[in-house]
Protein backbone atom coordinates (compact mmCIF):
# COMPACT_ATOMS: atom_id res chain seq x y z
CA MET A 1 -22.48 -24.44 -5.60
CA ALA A 2 -23.87 -25.94 -9.02
CA ALA A 3 -22.24 -22.90 -10.63
CA GLU A 4 -18.79 -23.25 -8.70
CA LYS A 5 -18.82 -26.80 -9.90
CA ALA A 6 -19.46 -26.06 -13.24
CA LYS A 7 -16.89 -23.26 -13.52
CA ARG A 8 -14.17 -25.60 -11.87
CA SER A 9 -14.96 -28.27 -14.70
CA GLY A 10 -14.81 -25.50 -17.24
CA ARG A 11 -11.23 -24.83 -16.23
CA ILE A 12 -10.35 -28.44 -16.21
CA ARG A 13 -11.70 -28.97 -19.68
CA GLN A 14 -9.88 -25.55 -20.69
CA MET A 15 -6.59 -26.99 -19.38
CA PHE A 16 -6.81 -30.26 -21.34
CA GLU A 17 -7.83 -28.57 -24.40
CA ILE A 18 -4.48 -26.34 -24.03
CA TYR A 19 -2.66 -29.43 -23.43
CA ARG A 20 -4.00 -31.26 -26.37
CA THR A 21 -3.46 -28.31 -28.80
CA THR A 22 0.04 -27.51 -27.67
CA LYS A 23 1.42 -30.93 -27.72
CA VAL A 24 0.71 -31.22 -31.58
CA HIS A 25 3.71 -28.87 -31.76
CA ASP A 26 5.35 -29.29 -28.65
CA THR A 27 6.44 -32.99 -28.63
CA ASN A 28 8.18 -32.92 -25.38
CA LEU A 29 5.47 -31.36 -23.36
CA PRO A 30 4.28 -34.57 -21.88
CA TRP A 31 7.72 -35.75 -20.58
CA ILE A 32 8.34 -31.95 -19.32
CA LEU A 33 5.11 -31.92 -17.38
CA LEU A 34 5.54 -35.62 -15.97
CA LEU A 35 9.13 -34.14 -14.83
CA CYS A 36 7.48 -31.10 -13.23
CA PHE A 37 4.91 -33.24 -11.55
CA VAL A 38 7.04 -36.09 -10.24
CA ALA A 39 10.09 -34.09 -9.12
CA PRO A 40 8.34 -32.20 -6.16
CA ILE A 41 7.05 -35.44 -4.92
CA VAL A 42 10.17 -37.29 -4.84
CA VAL A 43 11.87 -34.39 -3.16
CA ALA A 44 9.12 -34.24 -0.56
CA VAL A 45 9.55 -38.04 0.24
CA LEU A 46 13.25 -37.75 0.71
CA LEU A 47 12.56 -34.81 2.90
CA ALA A 48 10.17 -36.82 5.02
CA TRP A 49 12.77 -39.75 5.11
CA LEU A 50 15.70 -37.48 6.07
CA LEU A 51 14.04 -35.10 8.60
CA PRO A 52 13.12 -36.37 11.82
CA GLY A 53 9.26 -36.28 12.49
CA SER A 54 6.03 -38.20 13.33
CA TRP A 55 3.88 -40.14 11.13
CA PHE A 56 2.11 -36.90 10.62
CA SER A 57 5.16 -35.97 8.39
CA TRP A 58 5.00 -38.75 6.25
CA ILE A 59 1.40 -37.67 5.07
CA LEU A 60 2.06 -33.79 5.17
CA TRP A 61 5.22 -33.78 2.98
CA PRO A 62 3.88 -36.09 0.07
CA ILE A 63 0.78 -34.03 -0.01
CA THR A 64 2.60 -30.96 -0.21
CA GLY A 65 4.68 -32.25 -2.90
CA ILE A 66 1.70 -33.33 -5.00
CA LEU A 67 0.32 -29.67 -4.71
CA VAL A 68 3.51 -28.09 -5.75
CA GLY A 69 3.81 -30.64 -8.57
CA ILE A 70 0.15 -29.44 -9.87
CA LEU A 71 1.39 -25.92 -9.40
CA LEU A 72 4.44 -26.32 -11.46
CA VAL A 73 2.53 -28.27 -14.11
CA MET A 74 -0.10 -25.42 -14.58
CA ILE A 75 2.56 -22.89 -14.90
CA VAL A 76 4.80 -24.53 -17.29
CA LEU A 77 1.83 -25.52 -19.33
CA GLY A 78 0.58 -22.07 -19.59
CA ARG A 79 4.13 -20.60 -20.54
CA ARG A 80 4.84 -23.27 -23.27
CA ALA A 81 1.31 -22.96 -24.67
CA GLU A 82 1.87 -19.27 -24.99
CA ARG A 83 5.31 -19.54 -26.63
CA THR A 84 3.60 -22.12 -29.11
CA ALA A 85 0.87 -19.80 -29.92
CA TYR A 86 3.32 -16.99 -30.61
CA ASP A 87 5.54 -19.23 -32.79
CA GLN A 88 2.35 -20.08 -34.86
CA ILE A 89 1.58 -16.52 -35.62
CA GLU A 90 5.06 -14.81 -35.51
CA GLY A 91 5.94 -13.08 -38.85
CA ARG A 92 2.35 -12.96 -39.76
CA PRO A 93 0.66 -9.41 -40.36
CA GLY A 94 -1.24 -8.56 -37.11
CA ALA A 95 0.80 -10.64 -34.92
CA VAL A 96 1.86 -7.43 -32.71
CA GLY A 97 -1.70 -6.51 -32.78
CA ALA A 98 -2.44 -9.75 -30.90
CA VAL A 99 0.14 -9.06 -28.15
CA VAL A 100 -1.34 -5.60 -27.82
CA GLN A 101 -4.84 -7.08 -27.45
CA SER A 102 -4.28 -10.07 -25.33
CA ALA A 103 -0.94 -9.88 -23.50
CA LEU A 104 -0.42 -6.43 -22.50
CA ARG A 105 -0.55 -5.54 -18.44
CA ARG A 106 -3.00 -3.17 -17.20
CA SER A 107 -0.43 -0.39 -17.06
CA TRP A 108 -0.20 -0.20 -20.77
CA ARG A 109 -2.90 0.85 -23.36
CA GLY A 110 -3.26 0.49 -26.87
CA SER A 111 -5.13 -0.81 -29.87
CA GLU A 112 -4.69 -4.07 -31.96
CA THR A 113 -5.19 -1.97 -34.92
CA PRO A 114 -2.03 -0.48 -36.44
CA ILE A 115 -1.82 3.15 -36.80
CA ALA A 116 0.21 3.03 -40.09
CA ILE A 117 0.34 0.04 -42.75
CA ASN A 118 1.74 -0.08 -46.33
CA ARG A 119 0.93 -2.21 -49.20
CA SER A 120 3.25 -5.08 -48.08
CA GLN A 121 1.31 -5.20 -44.50
CA ASP A 122 4.16 -3.74 -42.76
CA ALA A 123 2.79 -2.04 -39.88
CA VAL A 124 3.49 0.40 -36.87
CA TYR A 125 1.46 0.04 -33.76
CA ARG A 126 1.28 2.33 -30.78
CA VAL A 127 0.79 1.77 -27.13
CA VAL A 128 1.19 4.18 -24.08
CA GLY A 129 2.44 3.23 -20.76
CA ARG A 130 4.72 4.12 -17.86
CA GLY A 131 7.61 3.78 -20.30
CA GLY A 132 6.22 6.64 -22.52
CA VAL A 133 4.75 6.15 -25.97
CA VAL A 134 6.00 3.19 -27.77
CA LEU A 135 5.93 2.65 -31.37
CA ILE A 136 6.36 -0.78 -32.28
CA SER A 137 7.37 -1.61 -36.01
CA GLU A 138 6.19 -4.97 -37.60
CA GLY A 139 7.71 -6.24 -40.81
CA SER A 140 10.57 -5.07 -42.56
CA ARG A 141 12.72 -2.64 -40.62
CA GLN A 142 13.83 -0.66 -44.01
CA ARG A 143 10.30 -0.27 -44.91
CA THR A 144 8.90 0.73 -41.59
CA GLN A 145 11.61 3.17 -40.39
CA ARG A 146 10.05 6.09 -42.46
CA MET A 147 6.63 5.06 -41.21
CA ALA A 148 7.66 5.03 -37.68
CA ALA A 149 9.46 8.30 -37.94
CA ASP A 150 6.19 9.84 -39.61
CA GLU A 151 4.25 8.76 -36.65
CA GLU A 152 6.84 10.00 -34.13
CA ARG A 153 6.63 13.50 -35.78
CA LYS A 154 2.73 13.24 -35.26
CA VAL A 155 3.19 12.64 -31.52
CA LYS A 156 5.84 15.14 -30.97
CA ARG A 157 3.29 17.97 -32.66
CA ALA A 158 0.57 16.75 -30.25
CA LEU A 159 2.73 16.38 -27.30
CA ARG A 160 6.09 18.04 -27.38
CA ASN A 161 7.42 16.63 -23.88
CA VAL A 162 6.32 13.17 -24.05
CA ALA A 163 9.16 10.31 -24.53
CA VAL A 164 8.85 8.33 -27.76
CA VAL A 165 10.47 4.61 -27.67
CA HIS A 166 10.86 2.69 -30.90
CA LEU A 167 10.69 -1.11 -30.99
CA TYR A 168 10.87 -3.52 -33.89
CA VAL A 169 9.51 -6.87 -34.05
CA GLY A 170 10.55 -8.69 -37.26
CA PRO A 171 13.28 -10.92 -38.94
CA ASP A 172 15.64 -8.19 -39.70
CA GLY A 173 18.90 -7.67 -37.55
CA ASP A 174 18.14 -7.32 -33.59
CA GLY A 175 14.41 -7.69 -33.83
CA ILE A 176 12.62 -8.49 -30.69
CA PRO A 177 10.80 -11.98 -30.87
CA LEU A 178 7.04 -11.80 -30.46
CA SER A 179 7.06 -13.75 -27.30
CA LYS A 180 9.20 -11.31 -25.40
CA LEU A 181 7.44 -8.22 -26.61
CA SER A 182 5.45 -7.67 -23.44
CA ARG A 183 8.36 -8.44 -21.28
CA THR A 184 10.25 -5.94 -23.20
CA LEU A 185 7.62 -2.91 -22.56
CA VAL A 186 7.49 -3.96 -19.00
CA LYS A 187 11.19 -3.43 -18.45
CA LEU A 188 11.10 0.12 -19.92
CA LYS A 189 12.03 2.76 -17.44
CA PRO A 190 8.96 4.36 -16.23
CA VAL A 191 8.69 8.14 -17.32
CA MET A 192 5.03 8.75 -16.85
CA SER A 193 2.48 8.52 -14.10
CA ARG A 194 -0.35 6.40 -14.25
CA ASN A 195 -2.61 9.45 -14.68
CA GLU A 196 -0.37 10.90 -17.51
CA VAL A 197 -0.63 7.51 -19.25
CA GLY A 198 -4.44 7.98 -19.50
CA ALA A 199 -4.29 11.56 -20.63
CA VAL A 200 -1.72 10.92 -23.21
CA TYR A 201 -3.65 7.85 -24.59
CA THR A 202 -6.77 10.01 -24.64
CA ARG A 203 -5.10 12.85 -26.49
CA LEU A 204 -3.60 10.54 -29.12
CA SER A 205 -6.66 8.57 -29.55
CA SER A 206 -8.57 11.66 -30.22
CA LEU A 207 -5.99 12.51 -33.02
CA GLN A 208 -6.09 9.36 -34.79
CA SER A 209 -8.83 7.70 -36.93
CA ALA A 210 -7.98 4.08 -38.12
CA PRO A 211 -8.03 3.74 -41.93
CA VAL A 212 -10.68 1.25 -43.23
CA GLY A 213 -9.36 -2.27 -44.03
CA ILE A 214 -6.64 -2.62 -41.70
CA PRO A 215 -6.18 -6.19 -40.22
CA LYS A 216 -6.58 -6.33 -36.51
CA GLY A 217 -4.47 -8.51 -34.49
CA MET A 218 -5.19 -12.19 -34.18
CA ASP A 219 -5.70 -13.76 -30.66
CA PRO A 220 -2.90 -16.28 -30.25
CA ASN A 221 -5.05 -18.02 -27.52
CA ARG A 222 -7.61 -18.72 -30.33
CA VAL A 223 -5.34 -19.60 -32.90
CA ARG A 224 -6.07 -23.49 -33.88
CA SER A 225 -3.23 -25.86 -34.21
CA GLN A 226 -2.86 -27.42 -37.69
CA ARG A 227 -2.59 -31.20 -37.15
CA PRO A 228 0.66 -32.47 -38.94
CA ARG A 229 -0.36 -34.69 -42.14
């Protein structure tokens, strides 16, 4: 019982910390969360007033509205905190590695360490999932195109029939925003089974040895917000 209370208390403290950190950069956050909490309660009271029922309805509807409001606040806070964290690290070397490390779903496997990098800190990452082998370029599109092509040739030499998809995260052209990278991977059409994903990832990992000194991805959930001066 004591351990359960401590765990619940830890979660509450974590939520307050996330709120405090996010509010520094998202000034509209308090009003948005207030609206998310109050709106369901107002709707619930109106339903209790409009729909015929006993005195029990006047208790049940507001309680339901409060619970829905709390749920909405948690969902919205989590999403806005995630977006704020990604906005802080977008454009920095290792940002894609942070997504690979902390935001990929279980159906995808990859490493926070890039498989190729140049002196300008442009990098190419590789992840494997139901959508195939995906090479994610980070930095300048022009400088990463050749790097990604070289990595595709390596994949094709090791696994001739595997599907290779190229994605680009960066400021040039139609680059994918960092916050939408995980969603983009999930939307790829499945071309491999779960067993094939494991086999392909193991095969490619055995051929790749990461160079020394490559920066690993930073965890966006651990990035500390800088207070404005």
